[in-house]
Amino acid sequence: MNDDYELLVVGSANADLVIGVERRPAPGETVLGSDLAVHPGGKGGNQAVAAARLGARTALLARVGDDAHGTLLLDAQRAAGVDTVGVLVGGAPTGVALITVDPSGDNSIVVSPGANGRLTPEDIRAAGGLVSAARVVSSQLEIPLETVAEVVRALRPGSRFVLNPSPPAPLPDEVLAACDPLVVNEHEARVILGDDAGDSPEEWARGLLALGPRSVVITLGAEGALTAAGPDGSPVRVPSPKVDAVDTTGAGDAFTAALGWRLGLGEDLPTAAAYAVRVGSAAVTRKGAQDSYPTAAELAETVPEEEVPSP
């Protein structure tokens, strides 16, 4: 298949404003934190950088503001090797994520979408050549859902669509039907499935497949991931190597990017997920989101393939 990009990411680009805290504040409480650190982020920007660092031919379709944060994000994408021809500038301030990280490495995030909320279906139609030039297209829900739906309509025959519905929201049937896979964590799975979610990842996978996606991947943090292809595919557990977690910010984005890239290279779902688990595991061993993403050489050194049990 001739294509210009192994992965096109259509999604958000944010400036991450990060503060370390001893613990998160309770309602009405003030806590002191560390010095403010500003990093390039956003689920779309993170995925694009993660894939490009690994060696994938990657492009980003996003919108940033005509401001200092927008310049920071564009510079970071280019430095990682991402093609930024699809990044639109202006219309609103660059999106911002306010992130607190506790000593265990867990994080809490509040996002101000800014320019991400102005990435429109019209922008997708105008970038139709970019979408049709990609083997795999990956998206998230930090941009308008109607824009994600337009991405699905613009897919070329034979390309693959990967969706991480974060933050979770009800998905139209046409979007669900295109997902191959739908990638969720435990929280996202429970929100989408509601009261009938069940208690195990296997139950979540069955419930999610019943909604219509072609395949599902559930990320399980330190436990790895679970894959299932529909409608009757058996769930497969993909274990994670043991690593010392420093900061989980952006690890799920690194996982999803690696997964989409490897699927586009022809790997089956459990094999691609096993690679993606290694990438996510490597990312949590360093601070930050994009700063933590490994190159292929760093991945081989940090999380050797032989350390990961087979699915």
Protein backbone atom coordinates (compact mmCIF):
# COMPACT_ATOMS: atom_id res chain seq x y z
CA MET A 1 0.00 0.00 0.00
CA ASN A 2 1.50 3.31 -1.04
CA ASP A 3 1.16 5.96 1.61
CA ASP A 4 3.00 9.03 2.80
CA TYR A 5 2.35 8.44 6.51
CA GLU A 6 2.35 5.33 8.64
CA LEU A 7 0.36 7.24 11.27
CA LEU A 8 -1.74 10.40 11.09
CA VAL A 9 -2.86 11.72 14.45
CA VAL A 10 -5.93 13.95 14.43
CA GLY A 11 -6.36 15.47 17.85
CA SER A 12 -5.39 17.89 20.54
CA ALA A 13 -2.21 19.80 21.22
CA ASN A 14 -1.87 21.36 24.67
CA ALA A 15 0.70 23.05 26.81
CA ASP A 16 1.03 20.96 29.98
CA LEU A 17 1.41 23.09 33.10
CA VAL A 18 2.72 20.65 35.72
CA ILE A 19 3.05 21.03 39.49
CA GLY A 20 4.25 18.36 41.90
CA VAL A 21 2.19 18.03 45.10
CA GLU A 22 2.49 15.93 48.24
CA ARG A 23 -1.23 15.18 47.91
CA ARG A 24 -4.16 16.51 45.98
CA PRO A 25 -6.22 19.20 47.72
CA ALA A 26 -9.62 18.37 49.16
CA PRO A 27 -12.54 20.67 48.25
CA GLY A 28 -11.87 24.11 49.71
CA GLU A 29 -8.29 23.24 50.62
CA THR A 30 -5.06 24.85 49.37
CA VAL A 31 -1.82 22.90 49.14
CA LEU A 32 1.64 24.07 48.16
CA GLY A 33 3.38 22.57 45.15
CA SER A 34 6.64 22.59 43.30
CA ASP A 35 7.82 25.15 40.75
CA LEU A 36 5.67 25.27 37.64
CA ALA A 37 7.02 23.33 34.66
CA VAL A 38 5.65 23.85 31.14
CA HIS A 39 5.81 20.96 28.67
CA PRO A 40 4.33 20.24 25.22
CA GLY A 41 1.37 17.88 25.53
CA GLY A 42 -2.20 17.12 24.53
CA LYS A 43 -3.28 13.62 23.59
CA GLY A 44 -2.87 14.26 19.88
CA GLY A 45 0.49 15.94 20.21
CA ASN A 46 1.67 13.23 22.58
CA GLN A 47 0.70 10.43 20.22
CA ALA A 48 2.41 12.05 17.26
CA VAL A 49 5.67 12.59 19.14
CA ALA A 50 5.61 9.08 20.60
CA ALA A 51 5.21 7.48 17.17
CA ALA A 52 7.79 9.68 15.48
CA ARG A 53 10.35 9.00 18.21
CA LEU A 54 9.94 5.28 17.56
CA GLY A 55 10.61 5.80 13.87
CA ALA A 56 7.12 5.99 12.36
CA ARG A 57 6.43 8.36 9.47
CA THR A 58 4.01 10.57 11.36
CA ALA A 59 1.87 13.65 10.74
CA LEU A 60 -0.33 15.70 13.07
CA LEU A 61 -3.62 17.39 12.19
CA ALA A 62 -4.47 19.80 15.00
CA ARG A 63 -5.06 23.45 15.86
CA VAL A 64 -2.99 25.67 18.15
CA GLY A 65 -3.16 29.34 19.06
CA ASP A 66 -0.98 32.06 17.61
CA ASP A 67 0.87 32.39 20.90
CA ALA A 68 3.95 31.25 22.80
CA HIS A 69 2.37 27.93 23.78
CA GLY A 70 1.55 27.25 20.13
CA THR A 71 5.15 27.90 19.14
CA LEU A 72 6.32 25.55 21.90
CA LEU A 73 4.08 22.80 20.58
CA LEU A 74 5.08 23.21 16.95
CA ASP A 75 8.78 23.23 17.85
CA ALA A 76 8.36 20.04 19.88
CA GLN A 77 6.59 18.25 17.04
CA ARG A 78 9.23 19.21 14.51
CA ALA A 79 12.06 18.27 16.85
CA ALA A 80 10.57 14.77 17.17
CA GLY A 81 10.32 14.41 13.40
CA VAL A 82 6.55 14.92 13.03
CA ASP A 83 5.27 16.49 9.80
CA THR A 84 3.32 19.57 10.95
CA VAL A 85 1.81 20.49 7.57
CA GLY A 86 -1.62 19.74 9.06
CA VAL A 87 -1.26 21.92 12.17
CA LEU A 88 -3.52 24.97 11.89
CA VAL A 89 -2.69 28.17 13.79
CA GLY A 90 -5.13 30.69 15.26
CA GLY A 91 -8.78 30.94 16.18
CA ALA A 92 -8.34 30.71 19.97
CA PRO A 93 -5.58 30.44 22.56
CA THR A 94 -3.59 27.21 22.58
CA GLY A 95 -5.14 24.52 24.76
CA VAL A 96 -3.74 24.09 28.25
CA ALA A 97 -3.69 21.13 30.66
CA LEU A 98 -3.28 21.82 34.37
CA ILE A 99 -1.60 18.75 35.88
CA THR A 100 -0.77 17.82 39.46
CA VAL A 101 1.52 14.85 40.09
CA ASP A 102 1.80 13.18 43.50
CA PRO A 103 4.85 11.32 44.91
CA SER A 104 3.58 7.96 43.63
CA GLY A 105 3.54 9.28 40.05
CA ASP A 106 -0.25 9.44 39.73
CA ASN A 107 -1.70 12.53 38.13
CA SER A 108 -4.89 14.60 38.01
CA ILE A 109 -5.59 16.75 34.97
CA VAL A 110 -7.91 19.66 34.08
CA VAL A 111 -7.95 20.63 30.40
CA SER A 112 -8.85 23.99 28.85
CA PRO A 113 -9.40 23.01 25.19
CA GLY A 114 -8.80 26.43 23.65
CA ALA A 115 -7.91 26.05 19.97
CA ASN A 116 -8.56 22.30 20.12
CA GLY A 117 -12.27 23.06 20.37
CA ARG A 118 -12.05 25.00 17.12
CA LEU A 119 -10.76 22.09 15.04
CA THR A 120 -13.85 21.70 12.86
CA PRO A 121 -15.29 19.20 10.37
CA GLU A 122 -14.52 21.80 7.71
CA ASP A 123 -10.85 21.62 8.71
CA ILE A 124 -10.92 17.85 8.19
CA ARG A 125 -12.53 18.18 4.78
CA ALA A 126 -9.92 20.75 3.80
CA ALA A 127 -7.19 18.30 4.85
CA GLY A 128 -8.70 15.37 2.95
CA GLY A 129 -5.45 14.72 1.12
CA LEU A 130 -3.62 14.34 4.40
CA VAL A 131 -6.18 11.88 5.77
CA SER A 132 -6.15 9.81 2.58
CA ALA A 133 -2.32 9.66 2.68
CA ALA A 134 -2.25 7.78 5.99
CA ARG A 135 -2.16 4.04 6.60
CA VAL A 136 -3.51 4.44 10.15
CA VAL A 137 -5.44 7.41 11.58
CA SER A 138 -5.59 7.84 15.36
CA SER A 139 -7.84 10.24 17.26
CA GLN A 140 -9.13 11.11 20.73
CA LEU A 141 -11.96 13.19 22.21
CA GLU A 142 -10.09 16.34 23.22
CA ILE A 143 -11.40 17.75 19.92
CA PRO A 144 -15.11 18.04 19.00
CA LEU A 145 -16.89 14.73 18.48
CA GLU A 146 -18.38 16.00 15.22
CA THR A 147 -14.81 16.50 13.99
CA VAL A 148 -13.89 12.92 14.90
CA ALA A 149 -16.96 11.73 13.00
CA GLU A 150 -15.77 13.68 9.96
CA VAL A 151 -12.39 11.94 10.23
CA VAL A 152 -14.17 8.59 10.01
CA ARG A 153 -16.01 9.72 6.87
CA ALA A 154 -12.74 10.87 5.29
CA LEU A 155 -10.88 7.58 5.79
CA ARG A 156 -9.68 5.95 2.60
CA PRO A 157 -10.58 2.31 1.91
CA GLY A 158 -8.12 -0.03 3.57
CA SER A 159 -6.88 2.41 6.19
CA ARG A 160 -7.33 1.76 9.91
CA PHE A 161 -8.93 3.99 12.55
CA VAL A 162 -7.80 3.94 16.18
CA LEU A 163 -9.79 5.86 18.79
CA ASN A 164 -9.04 6.58 22.42
CA PRO A 165 -12.36 8.06 23.67
CA SER A 166 -10.79 10.31 26.28
CA PRO A 167 -12.40 12.16 27.92
CA PRO A 168 -15.16 9.54 27.51
CA ALA A 169 -18.43 10.49 25.83
CA PRO A 170 -21.27 8.64 24.08
CA LEU A 171 -20.11 7.70 20.58
CA PRO A 172 -22.25 7.65 17.43
CA ASP A 173 -22.65 4.30 15.71
CA GLU A 174 -20.64 5.36 12.66
CA VAL A 175 -17.63 6.19 14.84
CA LEU A 176 -17.88 3.00 16.89
CA ALA A 177 -18.15 0.89 13.74
CA ALA A 178 -14.90 2.35 12.40
CA CYS A 179 -12.83 1.73 15.53
CA ASP A 180 -10.19 -0.94 14.99
CA PRO A 181 -9.42 -0.81 17.85
CA LEU A 182 -11.29 1.25 20.41
CA VAL A 183 -8.65 1.87 23.12
CA VAL A 184 -9.86 2.56 26.67
CA ASN A 185 -8.58 2.41 30.23
CA GLU A 186 -10.65 1.09 33.13
CA HIS A 187 -12.27 4.46 33.86
CA GLU A 188 -13.22 5.04 30.22
CA ALA A 189 -14.60 1.51 29.89
CA ARG A 190 -16.81 1.94 32.96
CA VAL A 191 -18.12 5.32 31.83
CA ILE A 192 -19.00 4.06 28.34
CA LEU A 193 -20.63 0.86 29.63
CA GLY A 194 -22.43 2.42 32.59
CA ASP A 195 -24.03 0.38 35.37
CA ASP A 196 -23.81 -2.88 33.43
CA ALA A 197 -20.04 -2.73 32.96
CA GLY A 198 -19.23 -5.77 35.10
CA ASP A 199 -16.13 -6.20 37.23
CA SER A 200 -13.47 -7.73 34.99
CA PRO A 201 -11.63 -6.46 31.91
CA GLU A 202 -12.92 -9.49 30.03
CA GLU A 203 -16.50 -8.41 30.78
CA TRP A 204 -15.71 -4.84 29.73
CA ALA A 205 -14.25 -6.09 26.46
CA ARG A 206 -17.35 -8.13 25.67
CA GLY A 207 -19.61 -5.21 26.53
CA LEU A 208 -17.63 -2.78 24.43
CA LEU A 209 -17.50 -5.12 21.42
CA ALA A 210 -21.28 -5.40 21.62
CA LEU A 211 -21.45 -1.65 20.91
CA GLY A 212 -19.98 -2.17 17.46
CA PRO A 213 -16.21 -1.57 17.23
CA ARG A 214 -14.19 -4.07 15.20
CA SER A 215 -11.76 -4.60 18.07
CA VAL A 216 -11.07 -3.37 21.60
CA VAL A 217 -7.95 -2.80 23.69
CA ILE A 218 -8.23 -2.11 27.41
CA THR A 219 -5.16 -0.69 29.12
CA LEU A 220 -4.64 -1.95 32.67
CA GLY A 221 -1.73 0.15 33.95
CA ALA A 222 0.92 -1.97 35.64
CA GLU A 223 -1.06 -5.09 34.68
CA GLY A 224 -0.53 -4.49 30.96
CA ALA A 225 -3.48 -4.64 28.58
CA LEU A 226 -6.27 -6.84 27.26
CA THR A 227 -7.20 -7.21 23.59
CA ALA A 228 -10.33 -8.57 21.92
CA ALA A 229 -11.52 -8.61 18.33
CA GLY A 230 -15.23 -8.78 17.61
CA PRO A 231 -17.81 -9.91 17.52
CA ASP A 232 -16.81 -13.23 19.08
CA GLY A 233 -13.07 -12.84 19.64
CA SER A 234 -11.65 -14.24 22.85
CA PRO A 235 -9.98 -11.69 25.13
CA VAL A 236 -6.18 -11.96 25.30
CA ARG A 237 -4.22 -10.67 28.29
CA VAL A 238 -0.98 -8.86 27.42
CA PRO A 239 1.23 -8.67 30.53
CA SER A 240 3.46 -5.73 31.39
CA PRO A 241 7.11 -5.81 32.40
CA LYS A 242 7.91 -4.64 35.92
CA VAL A 243 9.30 -1.11 35.99
CA ASP A 244 9.70 1.62 38.59
CA ALA A 245 7.02 4.19 37.77
CA VAL A 246 8.07 7.82 38.15
CA ASP A 247 5.30 9.66 36.28
CA THR A 248 2.34 8.16 34.41
CA THR A 249 1.50 11.38 32.51
CA GLY A 250 1.03 10.62 28.83
CA ALA A 251 1.86 6.92 29.08
CA GLY A 252 -1.51 5.92 27.62
CA ASP A 253 -0.88 8.19 24.64
CA ALA A 254 2.48 6.54 24.01
CA PHE A 255 0.78 3.14 24.21
CA THR A 256 -1.93 4.09 21.72
CA ALA A 257 0.52 5.62 19.25
CA ALA A 258 2.77 2.57 19.31
CA LEU A 259 -0.23 0.28 18.97
CA GLY A 260 -1.59 2.09 15.91
CA TRP A 261 1.79 2.19 14.22
CA ARG A 262 2.48 -1.51 14.72
CA LEU A 263 -0.99 -2.49 13.54
CA GLY A 264 -0.34 -0.51 10.38
CA LEU A 265 2.86 -2.50 9.87
CA GLY A 266 0.76 -5.66 9.77
CA GLU A 267 1.13 -7.05 13.29
CA ASP A 268 -1.86 -8.78 14.86
CA LEU A 269 -3.60 -7.10 17.79
CA PRO A 270 -1.96 -9.00 20.71
CA THR A 271 1.51 -8.62 19.16
CA ALA A 272 1.05 -4.91 18.54
CA ALA A 273 -0.32 -4.50 22.08
CA ALA A 274 2.71 -6.28 23.53
CA TYR A 275 4.98 -3.78 21.78
CA ALA A 276 2.78 -0.89 22.93
CA VAL A 277 2.91 -2.13 26.53
CA ARG A 278 6.71 -1.95 26.37
CA VAL A 279 6.53 1.62 25.08
CA GLY A 280 4.06 2.67 27.80
CA SER A 281 6.20 0.99 30.45
CA ALA A 282 9.30 2.82 29.28
CA ALA A 283 7.41 6.13 29.34
CA VAL A 284 6.46 5.87 33.02
CA THR A 285 10.12 5.51 34.05
CA ARG A 286 10.80 9.17 33.21
CA LYS A 287 9.07 12.42 34.12
CA GLY A 288 6.77 14.28 31.79
CA ALA A 289 4.74 13.22 28.80
CA GLN A 290 6.61 13.81 25.55
CA ASP A 291 9.93 14.09 27.37
CA SER A 292 9.48 10.51 28.58
CA TYR A 293 8.87 8.86 25.20
CA PRO A 294 11.59 6.46 24.08
CA THR A 295 13.31 6.12 20.75
CA ALA A 296 13.50 2.57 19.41
CA ALA A 297 17.05 2.28 20.74
CA GLU A 298 16.05 3.56 24.19
CA LEU A 299 13.12 1.14 24.25
CA ALA A 300 15.40 -1.82 23.53
CA GLU A 301 17.64 -0.74 26.40
CA THR A 302 14.98 0.27 28.94
CA VAL A 303 12.42 -2.51 28.39
CA PRO A 304 14.02 -5.34 26.37
CA GLU A 305 11.56 -7.50 24.50
CA GLU A 306 12.65 -10.61 26.34
CA GLU A 307 11.47 -9.09 29.64
CA VAL A 308 7.86 -9.15 28.50
CA PRO A 309 6.00 -12.46 28.84
CA SER A 310 4.19 -13.54 25.69
CA PRO A 311 0.41 -12.88 25.54
